[in-house]
Structures are given as C-alpha cells and as structure tokens.
Protein backbone atom coordinates (compact mmCIF):
# COMPACT_ATOMS: atom_id res chain seq x y z
CA MET A 1 38.16 29.43 1.46
CA ALA A 2 36.42 26.09 0.90
CA PHE A 3 34.97 24.02 3.69
CA ILE A 4 35.59 20.31 3.69
CA ASP A 5 32.93 18.07 5.10
CA ASP A 6 34.65 15.28 7.01
CA GLU A 7 31.58 13.09 7.19
CA PRO A 8 31.10 10.70 4.30
CA VAL A 9 28.05 11.21 2.16
CA LYS A 10 25.47 8.50 2.85
CA LYS A 11 24.04 6.94 -0.25
CA LYS A 12 20.28 6.88 -0.46
CA LEU A 13 19.24 3.29 0.16
CA ALA A 14 17.28 2.09 -2.82
CA HIS A 15 16.86 -1.07 -4.73
CA GLU A 16 15.91 -1.68 -8.32
CA ILE A 17 14.28 -4.95 -9.20
CA GLY A 18 16.81 -7.11 -11.04
CA GLN A 19 19.73 -4.95 -9.96
CA ASP A 20 23.15 -6.67 -9.86
CA VAL A 21 23.98 -7.27 -6.21
CA ALA A 22 27.30 -9.08 -6.67
CA LEU A 23 29.27 -6.26 -5.01
CA VAL A 24 26.74 -5.47 -2.26
CA SER A 25 27.60 -6.44 1.32
CA ALA A 26 25.46 -8.87 3.30
CA GLU A 27 24.54 -6.04 5.70
CA GLU A 28 23.33 -3.85 2.86
CA LEU A 29 21.38 -6.76 1.38
CA GLU A 30 19.61 -7.20 4.72
CA GLU A 31 18.80 -3.48 4.75
CA ARG A 32 17.38 -3.74 1.26
CA ILE A 33 15.30 -6.76 2.25
CA ALA A 34 13.88 -4.79 5.18
CA LEU A 35 13.17 -1.85 2.87
CA LEU A 36 11.39 -4.10 0.38
CA ARG A 37 9.37 -5.85 3.12
CA ALA A 38 8.23 -2.47 4.42
CA GLU A 39 7.23 -1.45 0.91
CA ILE A 40 5.31 -4.69 0.42
CA ALA A 41 3.44 -4.10 3.69
CA ARG A 42 2.63 -0.54 2.61
CA LEU A 43 1.31 -1.73 -0.74
CA GLU A 44 -0.73 -4.52 0.84
CA GLY A 45 -2.28 -1.93 3.14
CA GLU A 46 -3.27 0.17 0.14
CA VAL A 47 -4.80 -2.86 -1.57
CA ALA A 48 -6.83 -3.63 1.56
CA LYS A 49 -8.06 -0.02 1.77
CA ARG A 50 -9.12 -0.01 -1.87
CA ARG A 51 -10.91 -3.33 -1.58
CA ALA A 52 -12.74 -2.15 1.53
CA SER A 53 -13.71 1.07 -0.23
CA ARG A 54 -14.94 -0.82 -3.26
CA SER A 55 -16.92 -3.25 -1.10
CA ALA A 56 -18.54 -0.34 0.73
CA ALA A 57 -19.46 1.33 -2.53
CA GLU A 58 -20.90 -1.89 -3.93
CA ALA A 59 -22.96 -2.33 -0.76
CA VAL A 60 -24.42 1.15 -1.14
CA PHE A 61 -25.37 0.67 -4.77
CA ARG A 62 -26.92 -2.76 -4.18
CA LEU A 63 -29.66 -1.17 -2.07
C-alpha cells in the first residue's frame, strides 16, 4: 500500500545569475531579491572580516 502525500513539494528557492525569469511570479521575484540581498550582506561581512584580519596581521608585522 502506497502513501500519498497531500502536501505539495516546496521547491528550494534558488536563483542563478542570468536565469530567465519570464515565467516567475512577482512574489517569487521579491523572495529571490530578499535572498540575494541576504547573500550580499553575508559576503560583505566576510570581506570585512578578512580585511580586518589582514590589517591586524600587517600591524603585527610592521613592529
């Protein structure tokens, strides 16, 4: 006996740069924009950490 799942399978929200979005709803586009903004913020945080780390290392070796 097979069980049928009545709940629809949610697609994993992802976006590829340059992806055709002609058939994507406005709501999903807004979700993708939020996802991309969060990713940008995460990446900017990593850049800041690495720059701070590099600056600290340079300060130590200048002594």
